[in-house]
Amino acid sequence: MLTTQQHERLRQFFGAYFHEDFLLDSPSPDAVVDLYLHDHDAMEIQNLAGDILHLLQETAGADLDRRLYREYGCNYLPEADRLTRAEWLLRLATKLKTASNQS
């Protein structure tokens, strides 16, 4: 089960970076992640990657959709890029882990 601290990190990330107007900040979801990488240190990035993987382990299907939108404020629809939410989150966690190892 996700801790309060993990919930807060997920809420801050998705709500701040994938808010309803996120495409006004960056031209693509990948560019939005790059903004996060620029703004945070390796430990914060690594923690978020782990939180996302933990979320994936404990949540699936419609529950994942609901949690991302309602609990965390994520307004990105990966289906527009032909990805499921689980696929996108796995790619996101991988990108974050890779970036944290290069810092």
Protein backbone atom coordinates (compact mmCIF):
# COMPACT_ATOMS: atom_id res chain seq x y z
CA MET A 1 0.00 0.00 0.00
CA LEU A 2 1.26 3.47 -0.87
CA THR A 3 2.34 5.63 2.05
CA THR A 4 1.08 9.14 2.68
CA GLN A 5 4.41 10.48 1.46
CA GLN A 6 4.17 8.48 -1.79
CA HIS A 7 0.60 9.70 -2.38
CA GLU A 8 1.76 13.27 -1.88
CA ARG A 9 4.67 12.91 -4.31
CA LEU A 10 2.36 11.42 -6.95
CA ARG A 11 -0.23 14.14 -6.39
CA GLN A 12 2.38 16.86 -6.65
CA PHE A 13 3.91 15.41 -9.81
CA PHE A 14 0.74 14.63 -11.75
CA GLY A 15 -1.15 17.67 -10.52
CA ALA A 16 1.68 20.11 -11.19
CA TYR A 17 3.05 18.69 -14.42
CA PHE A 18 0.04 17.00 -16.07
CA HIS A 19 -2.62 19.54 -15.11
CA GLU A 20 -5.47 20.42 -17.51
CA ASP A 21 -3.33 22.90 -19.49
CA PHE A 22 -0.06 20.96 -19.49
CA LEU A 23 0.31 21.18 -23.26
CA LEU A 24 0.54 24.96 -22.94
CA ASP A 25 3.71 24.45 -20.89
CA SER A 26 5.37 21.95 -23.23
CA PRO A 27 4.71 20.53 -26.70
CA SER A 28 4.44 16.89 -25.58
CA PRO A 29 4.12 14.65 -22.52
CA ASP A 30 7.82 13.73 -22.85
CA ALA A 31 8.74 17.42 -22.79
CA VAL A 32 6.67 17.82 -19.62
CA VAL A 33 8.70 15.06 -17.98
CA ASP A 34 11.87 16.82 -19.10
CA LEU A 35 10.69 19.91 -17.19
CA TYR A 36 10.34 17.78 -14.06
CA LEU A 37 13.80 16.30 -14.59
CA HIS A 38 15.26 19.79 -14.89
CA ASP A 39 13.57 20.94 -11.67
CA HIS A 40 14.42 18.00 -9.36
CA ASP A 41 17.46 16.17 -8.05
CA ALA A 42 18.35 12.53 -8.63
CA MET A 43 16.93 11.31 -5.30
CA GLU A 44 13.56 12.99 -5.87
CA ILE A 45 13.41 11.57 -9.38
CA GLN A 46 14.31 8.08 -8.18
CA ASN A 47 11.69 8.24 -5.40
CA LEU A 48 8.99 9.26 -7.88
CA ALA A 49 9.93 6.42 -10.24
CA GLY A 50 9.54 3.95 -7.37
CA ASP A 51 6.21 5.51 -6.37
CA ILE A 52 4.89 5.10 -9.91
CA LEU A 53 5.96 1.46 -10.03
CA HIS A 54 4.33 0.88 -6.64
CA LEU A 55 1.11 2.49 -7.91
CA LEU A 56 1.17 0.16 -10.92
CA GLN A 57 1.62 -2.89 -8.70
CA GLU A 58 -1.36 -2.09 -6.52
CA THR A 59 -3.78 -0.58 -9.05
CA ALA A 60 -5.09 -1.75 -12.42
CA GLY A 61 -7.66 -1.00 -15.10
CA ALA A 62 -10.46 1.42 -14.32
CA ASP A 63 -9.11 1.94 -10.79
CA LEU A 64 -5.85 3.21 -12.27
CA ASP A 65 -7.76 5.63 -14.52
CA ARG A 66 -9.79 6.89 -11.56
CA ARG A 67 -6.82 7.30 -9.26
CA LEU A 68 -4.71 9.16 -11.80
CA TYR A 69 -7.47 11.63 -12.56
CA ARG A 70 -9.34 12.02 -9.28
CA GLU A 71 -6.64 11.46 -6.67
CA TYR A 72 -3.62 12.83 -8.49
CA GLY A 73 -5.04 15.36 -10.96
CA CYS A 74 -3.47 13.80 -14.05
CA ASN A 75 -5.14 15.13 -17.20
CA TYR A 76 -2.99 13.34 -19.77
CA LEU A 77 -4.79 10.66 -21.78
CA PRO A 78 -2.12 8.24 -23.03
CA GLU A 79 -4.70 6.63 -25.31
CA ALA A 80 -4.21 9.66 -27.57
CA ASP A 81 -0.67 8.36 -28.11
CA ARG A 82 -1.85 4.75 -28.46
CA LEU A 83 -0.72 3.71 -25.00
CA THR A 84 -2.63 2.30 -22.08
CA ARG A 85 -2.22 4.11 -18.78
CA ALA A 86 -0.18 1.19 -17.46
CA GLU A 87 2.13 1.26 -20.50
CA TRP A 88 2.62 5.00 -20.14
CA LEU A 89 3.34 4.77 -16.43
CA LEU A 90 5.87 2.01 -17.00
CA ARG A 91 7.61 4.10 -19.68
CA LEU A 92 7.50 7.11 -17.39
CA ALA A 93 9.05 5.21 -14.48
CA THR A 94 11.75 3.85 -16.78
CA LYS A 95 12.59 7.32 -18.09
CA LEU A 96 12.75 8.68 -14.55
CA LYS A 97 14.98 5.83 -13.32
CA THR A 98 17.32 6.23 -16.27
CA ALA A 99 17.56 9.98 -15.70
CA SER A 100 18.20 9.57 -11.97
CA ASN A 101 21.08 7.17 -12.69
CA GLN A 102 22.67 9.68 -15.08
CA SER A 103 22.58 12.58 -12.61
